[in-house]
Amino acid sequence: FTLDERTAQQKVTQELFDFTQKLAYLVFQIDSWDATIDQFNAKNSAPLKSVQTLNKELDELRDKLVVTKGDNYVGAGEPKLREKLGDIYSSVGSYFGAPSVTQLDNIQMLTLQFEEANKQFDKIKSGSLKAFEKELSKNTTVQPPKICSFEEFLKMEK
């Protein structure tokens, strides 16, 4: 393999690693809000329709990103963005030559799916999540989650 081919492989492998971290951060945010919804519902006898709607929106978004059905073992559910990303990361990272055109096309497709998921999360944040935050401000028993920055997330112990 030429130096250029190895350099291309290393560059794309690093980009896929970074992509995986961004995906993990998005799922972390969704999970944090989902846990707050669970706390809110546990402390309120009558669930609010707006909170149920938010919970459904977050669950649907998470379902696009990671396997949530079955027992969460590899191959247990239909592959989602995380699993597809892991497959291509493994494929590119284990071959020392340049990524193929097909691999690059697949990465582009996954990137577009991720960008779409981020847009969907932004829409949720400006809509039903904003309404939920207002509801939480009236309710002193449940606090909104403390969502750290992406940089702080990367430093967290998992």
C-alpha atoms as a PDB file:
ATOM      1  CA  PHE A   1       0.000   0.000   0.000  1.00  0.00           C
ATOM      2  CA  THR A   2       1.230   3.452  -0.821  1.00  0.00           C
ATOM      3  CA  LEU A   3       1.673   6.194   1.729  1.00  0.00           C
ATOM      4  CA  ASP A   4      -1.281   8.054   0.181  1.00  0.00           C
ATOM      5  CA  GLU A   5      -3.514   4.985   0.538  1.00  0.00           C
ATOM      6  CA  ARG A   6      -2.520   4.490   4.171  1.00  0.00           C
ATOM      7  CA  THR A   7      -2.975   8.194   4.874  1.00  0.00           C
ATOM      8  CA  ALA A   8      -6.466   8.106   3.333  1.00  0.00           C
ATOM      9  CA  GLN A   9      -7.342   5.057   5.451  1.00  0.00           C
ATOM     10  CA  GLN A  10      -6.104   6.737   8.641  1.00  0.00           C
ATOM     11  CA  LYS A  11      -7.990   9.956   7.850  1.00  0.00           C
ATOM     12  CA  VAL A  12     -11.293   8.189   7.184  1.00  0.00           C
ATOM     13  CA  THR A  13     -10.852   5.924  10.229  1.00  0.00           C
ATOM     14  CA  GLN A  14     -10.387   9.007  12.428  1.00  0.00           C
ATOM     15  CA  GLU A  15     -13.436  10.678  10.859  1.00  0.00           C
ATOM     16  CA  LEU A  16     -15.506   7.564  11.603  1.00  0.00           C
ATOM     17  CA  PHE A  17     -14.218   7.507  15.188  1.00  0.00           C
ATOM     18  CA  ASP A  18     -15.245  11.161  15.604  1.00  0.00           C
ATOM     19  CA  PHE A  19     -18.611  10.395  14.000  1.00  0.00           C
ATOM     20  CA  THR A  20     -19.165   7.611  16.550  1.00  0.00           C
ATOM     21  CA  GLN A  21     -18.482  10.031  19.401  1.00  0.00           C
ATOM     22  CA  LYS A  22     -20.960  12.562  18.007  1.00  0.00           C
ATOM     23  CA  LEU A  23     -23.586   9.851  17.693  1.00  0.00           C
ATOM     24  CA  ALA A  24     -22.923   8.752  21.288  1.00  0.00           C
ATOM     25  CA  TYR A  25     -23.364  12.347  22.471  1.00  0.00           C
ATOM     26  CA  LEU A  26     -26.705  12.683  20.695  1.00  0.00           C
ATOM     27  CA  VAL A  27     -27.948   9.433  22.264  1.00  0.00           C
ATOM     28  CA  PHE A  28     -26.624  10.618  25.664  1.00  0.00           C
ATOM     29  CA  GLN A  29     -28.748  13.765  25.376  1.00  0.00           C
ATOM     30  CA  ILE A  30     -31.843  11.784  24.397  1.00  0.00           C
ATOM     31  CA  ASP A  31     -31.291   9.325  27.258  1.00  0.00           C
ATOM     32  CA  SER A  32     -30.820  12.176  29.742  1.00  0.00           C
ATOM     33  CA  TRP A  33     -34.130  13.738  28.779  1.00  0.00           C
ATOM     34  CA  ASP A  34     -35.822  10.357  28.745  1.00  0.00           C
ATOM     35  CA  ALA A  35     -34.689   9.712  32.336  1.00  0.00           C
ATOM     36  CA  THR A  36     -36.098  13.096  33.365  1.00  0.00           C
ATOM     37  CA  ILE A  37     -39.419  12.238  31.735  1.00  0.00           C
ATOM     38  CA  ASP A  38     -39.473   8.978  33.703  1.00  0.00           C
ATOM     39  CA  GLN A  39     -38.841  10.889  36.957  1.00  0.00           C
ATOM     40  CA  PHE A  40     -41.544  13.408  36.087  1.00  0.00           C
ATOM     41  CA  ASN A  41     -44.081  10.697  35.283  1.00  0.00           C
ATOM     42  CA  ALA A  42     -43.249   8.814  38.492  1.00  0.00           C
ATOM     43  CA  LYS A  43     -43.917  11.924  40.576  1.00  0.00           C
ATOM     44  CA  ASN A  44     -47.118  12.945  38.795  1.00  0.00           C
ATOM     45  CA  SER A  45     -50.150  10.701  39.039  1.00  0.00           C
ATOM     46  CA  ALA A  46     -51.744  11.840  35.775  1.00  0.00           C
ATOM     47  CA  PRO A  47     -49.341  11.801  32.821  1.00  0.00           C
ATOM     48  CA  LEU A  48     -49.522  14.899  30.658  1.00  0.00           C
ATOM     49  CA  LYS A  49     -50.308  14.397  26.993  1.00  0.00           C
ATOM     50  CA  SER A  50     -47.490  16.788  26.017  1.00  0.00           C
ATOM     51  CA  VAL A  51     -44.985  14.752  28.027  1.00  0.00           C
ATOM     52  CA  GLN A  52     -46.220  11.524  26.453  1.00  0.00           C
ATOM     53  CA  THR A  53     -45.780  13.133  23.018  1.00  0.00           C
ATOM     54  CA  LEU A  54     -42.231  14.209  23.875  1.00  0.00           C
ATOM     55  CA  ASN A  55     -41.417  10.733  25.162  1.00  0.00           C
ATOM     56  CA  LYS A  56     -42.707   9.206  21.923  1.00  0.00           C
ATOM     57  CA  GLU A  57     -40.690  11.656  19.786  1.00  0.00           C
ATOM     58  CA  LEU A  58     -37.478  10.896  21.695  1.00  0.00           C
ATOM     59  CA  ASP A  59     -38.090   7.140  21.509  1.00  0.00           C
ATOM     60  CA  GLU A  60     -38.702   7.295  17.751  1.00  0.00           C
ATOM     61  CA  LEU A  61     -35.516   9.280  17.232  1.00  0.00           C
ATOM     62  CA  ARG A  62     -33.475   6.892  19.404  1.00  0.00           C
ATOM     63  CA  ASP A  63     -34.945   3.962  17.457  1.00  0.00           C
ATOM     64  CA  LYS A  64     -33.411   5.401  14.283  1.00  0.00           C
ATOM     65  CA  LEU A  65     -30.006   5.720  15.918  1.00  0.00           C
ATOM     66  CA  VAL A  66     -29.457   2.561  17.948  1.00  0.00           C
ATOM     67  CA  VAL A  67     -30.981  -0.900  18.368  1.00  0.00           C
ATOM     68  CA  THR A  68     -33.637  -0.658  21.058  1.00  0.00           C
ATOM     69  CA  LYS A  69     -35.549  -3.881  20.443  1.00  0.00           C
ATOM     70  CA  GLY A  70     -34.661  -7.370  21.573  1.00  0.00           C
ATOM     71  CA  ASP A  71     -31.917  -8.063  24.059  1.00  0.00           C
ATOM     72  CA  ASN A  72     -29.462  -5.489  22.597  1.00  0.00           C
ATOM     73  CA  TYR A  73     -26.961  -8.149  21.577  1.00  0.00           C
ATOM     74  CA  VAL A  74     -25.318  -7.760  18.196  1.00  0.00           C
ATOM     75  CA  GLY A  75     -27.592  -9.085  15.502  1.00  0.00           C
ATOM     76  CA  ALA A  76     -30.638  -9.120  17.779  1.00  0.00           C
ATOM     77  CA  GLY A  77     -32.383  -6.253  16.042  1.00  0.00           C
ATOM     78  CA  GLU A  78     -32.449  -4.552  12.697  1.00  0.00           C
ATOM     79  CA  PRO A  79     -29.190  -2.596  12.318  1.00  0.00           C
ATOM     80  CA  LYS A  80     -29.542   1.115  13.012  1.00  0.00           C
ATOM     81  CA  LEU A  81     -27.156   3.996  12.448  1.00  0.00           C
ATOM     82  CA  ARG A  82     -24.811   2.951  15.284  1.00  0.00           C
ATOM     83  CA  GLU A  83     -24.515  -0.622  14.046  1.00  0.00           C
ATOM     84  CA  LYS A  84     -24.026   0.418  10.427  1.00  0.00           C
ATOM     85  CA  LEU A  85     -21.400   2.932  11.516  1.00  0.00           C
ATOM     86  CA  GLY A  86     -19.637   0.273  13.582  1.00  0.00           C
ATOM     87  CA  ASP A  87     -19.570  -2.104  10.625  1.00  0.00           C
ATOM     88  CA  ILE A  88     -18.021   0.416   8.248  1.00  0.00           C
ATOM     89  CA  TYR A  89     -15.599   1.634  10.930  1.00  0.00           C
ATOM     90  CA  SER A  90     -14.416  -1.939  11.412  1.00  0.00           C
ATOM     91  CA  SER A  91     -14.163  -2.525   7.675  1.00  0.00           C
ATOM     92  CA  VAL A  92     -12.190   0.643   6.932  1.00  0.00           C
ATOM     93  CA  GLY A  93     -10.054   0.406  10.061  1.00  0.00           C
ATOM     94  CA  SER A  94      -9.009  -3.188   9.480  1.00  0.00           C
ATOM     95  CA  TYR A  95      -7.842  -2.668   5.897  1.00  0.00           C
ATOM     96  CA  PHE A  96      -4.634  -0.671   5.452  1.00  0.00           C
ATOM     97  CA  GLY A  97      -5.414   0.545   1.948  1.00  0.00           C
ATOM     98  CA  ALA A  98      -7.569   3.478   0.967  1.00  0.00           C
ATOM     99  CA  PRO A  99     -11.321   3.139   1.528  1.00  0.00           C
ATOM    100  CA  SER A 100     -13.279   2.061  -1.537  1.00  0.00           C
ATOM    101  CA  VAL A 101     -15.678   4.318  -3.399  1.00  0.00           C
ATOM    102  CA  THR A 102     -18.543   2.197  -2.089  1.00  0.00           C
ATOM    103  CA  GLN A 103     -17.351   2.628   1.495  1.00  0.00           C
ATOM    104  CA  LEU A 104     -17.056   6.391   1.021  1.00  0.00           C
ATOM    105  CA  ASP A 105     -20.562   6.484  -0.495  1.00  0.00           C
ATOM    106  CA  ASN A 106     -21.909   4.510   2.476  1.00  0.00           C
ATOM    107  CA  ILE A 107     -20.207   6.893   4.891  1.00  0.00           C
ATOM    108  CA  GLN A 108     -21.805   9.821   3.076  1.00  0.00           C
ATOM    109  CA  MET A 109     -25.221   8.139   3.354  1.00  0.00           C
ATOM    110  CA  LEU A 110     -24.727   7.567   7.100  1.00  0.00           C
ATOM    111  CA  THR A 111     -23.593  11.166   7.522  1.00  0.00           C
ATOM    112  CA  LEU A 112     -26.784  12.394   5.860  1.00  0.00           C
ATOM    113  CA  GLN A 113     -28.861  10.167   8.160  1.00  0.00           C
ATOM    114  CA  PHE A 114     -27.049  11.588  11.175  1.00  0.00           C
ATOM    115  CA  GLU A 115     -27.546  15.168   9.996  1.00  0.00           C
ATOM    116  CA  GLU A 116     -31.250  14.411   9.575  1.00  0.00           C
ATOM    117  CA  ALA A 117     -31.387  13.004  13.114  1.00  0.00           C
ATOM    118  CA  ASN A 118     -29.726  16.162  14.455  1.00  0.00           C
ATOM    119  CA  LYS A 119     -32.303  18.298  12.636  1.00  0.00           C
ATOM    120  CA  GLN A 120     -35.068  16.171  14.127  1.00  0.00           C
ATOM    121  CA  PHE A 121     -33.585  16.588  17.616  1.00  0.00           C
ATOM    122  CA  ASP A 122     -33.325  20.361  17.097  1.00  0.00           C
ATOM    123  CA  LYS A 123     -37.004  20.399  16.116  1.00  0.00           C
ATOM    124  CA  ILE A 124     -37.904  18.414  19.244  1.00  0.00           C
ATOM    125  CA  LYS A 125     -35.802  20.789  21.390  1.00  0.00           C
ATOM    126  CA  SER A 126     -37.530  23.863  19.998  1.00  0.00           C
ATOM    127  CA  GLY A 127     -40.994  22.291  20.265  1.00  0.00           C
ATOM    128  CA  SER A 128     -42.142  19.713  22.773  1.00  0.00           C
ATOM    129  CA  LEU A 129     -38.901  19.722  24.769  1.00  0.00           C
ATOM    130  CA  LYS A 130     -39.157  23.471  25.295  1.00  0.00           C
ATOM    131  CA  ALA A 131     -42.737  22.998  26.524  1.00  0.00           C
ATOM    132  CA  PHE A 132     -41.541  20.264  28.891  1.00  0.00           C
ATOM    133  CA  GLU A 133     -38.857  22.576  30.281  1.00  0.00           C
ATOM    134  CA  LYS A 134     -41.588  25.129  31.050  1.00  0.00           C
ATOM    135  CA  GLU A 135     -43.566  22.416  32.819  1.00  0.00           C
ATOM    136  CA  LEU A 136     -40.465  21.466  34.819  1.00  0.00           C
ATOM    137  CA  SER A 137     -39.987  25.082  35.892  1.00  0.00           C
ATOM    138  CA  LYS A 138     -43.447  24.904  37.542  1.00  0.00           C
ATOM    139  CA  ASN A 139     -42.590  21.584  39.187  1.00  0.00           C
ATOM    140  CA  THR A 140     -39.923  21.785  41.878  1.00  0.00           C
ATOM    141  CA  THR A 141     -39.647  18.019  42.413  1.00  0.00           C
ATOM    142  CA  VAL A 142     -37.951  17.244  39.087  1.00  0.00           C
ATOM    143  CA  GLN A 143     -35.090  19.203  37.616  1.00  0.00           C
ATOM    144  CA  PRO A 144     -34.057  19.278  33.958  1.00  0.00           C
ATOM    145  CA  PRO A 145     -31.027  17.133  33.213  1.00  0.00           C
ATOM    146  CA  LYS A 146     -27.631  18.748  33.272  1.00  0.00           C
ATOM    147  CA  ILE A 147     -26.503  18.247  29.690  1.00  0.00           C
ATOM    148  CA  CYS A 148     -22.767  18.750  29.547  1.00  0.00           C
ATOM    149  CA  SER A 149     -20.974  20.059  26.484  1.00  0.00           C
ATOM    150  CA  PHE A 150     -19.631  17.665  23.871  1.00  0.00           C
ATOM    151  CA  GLU A 151     -16.095  18.280  25.155  1.00  0.00           C
ATOM    152  CA  GLU A 152     -17.136  17.480  28.734  1.00  0.00           C
ATOM    153  CA  PHE A 153     -18.975  14.387  27.485  1.00  0.00           C
ATOM    154  CA  LEU A 154     -15.759  13.100  25.906  1.00  0.00           C
ATOM    155  CA  LYS A 155     -13.996  13.431  29.261  1.00  0.00           C
ATOM    156  CA  MET A 156     -16.703  11.594  31.240  1.00  0.00           C
ATOM    157  CA  GLU A 157     -15.898   8.211  32.697  1.00  0.00           C
ATOM    158  CA  LYS A 158     -18.187   5.695  31.107  1.00  0.00           C
END
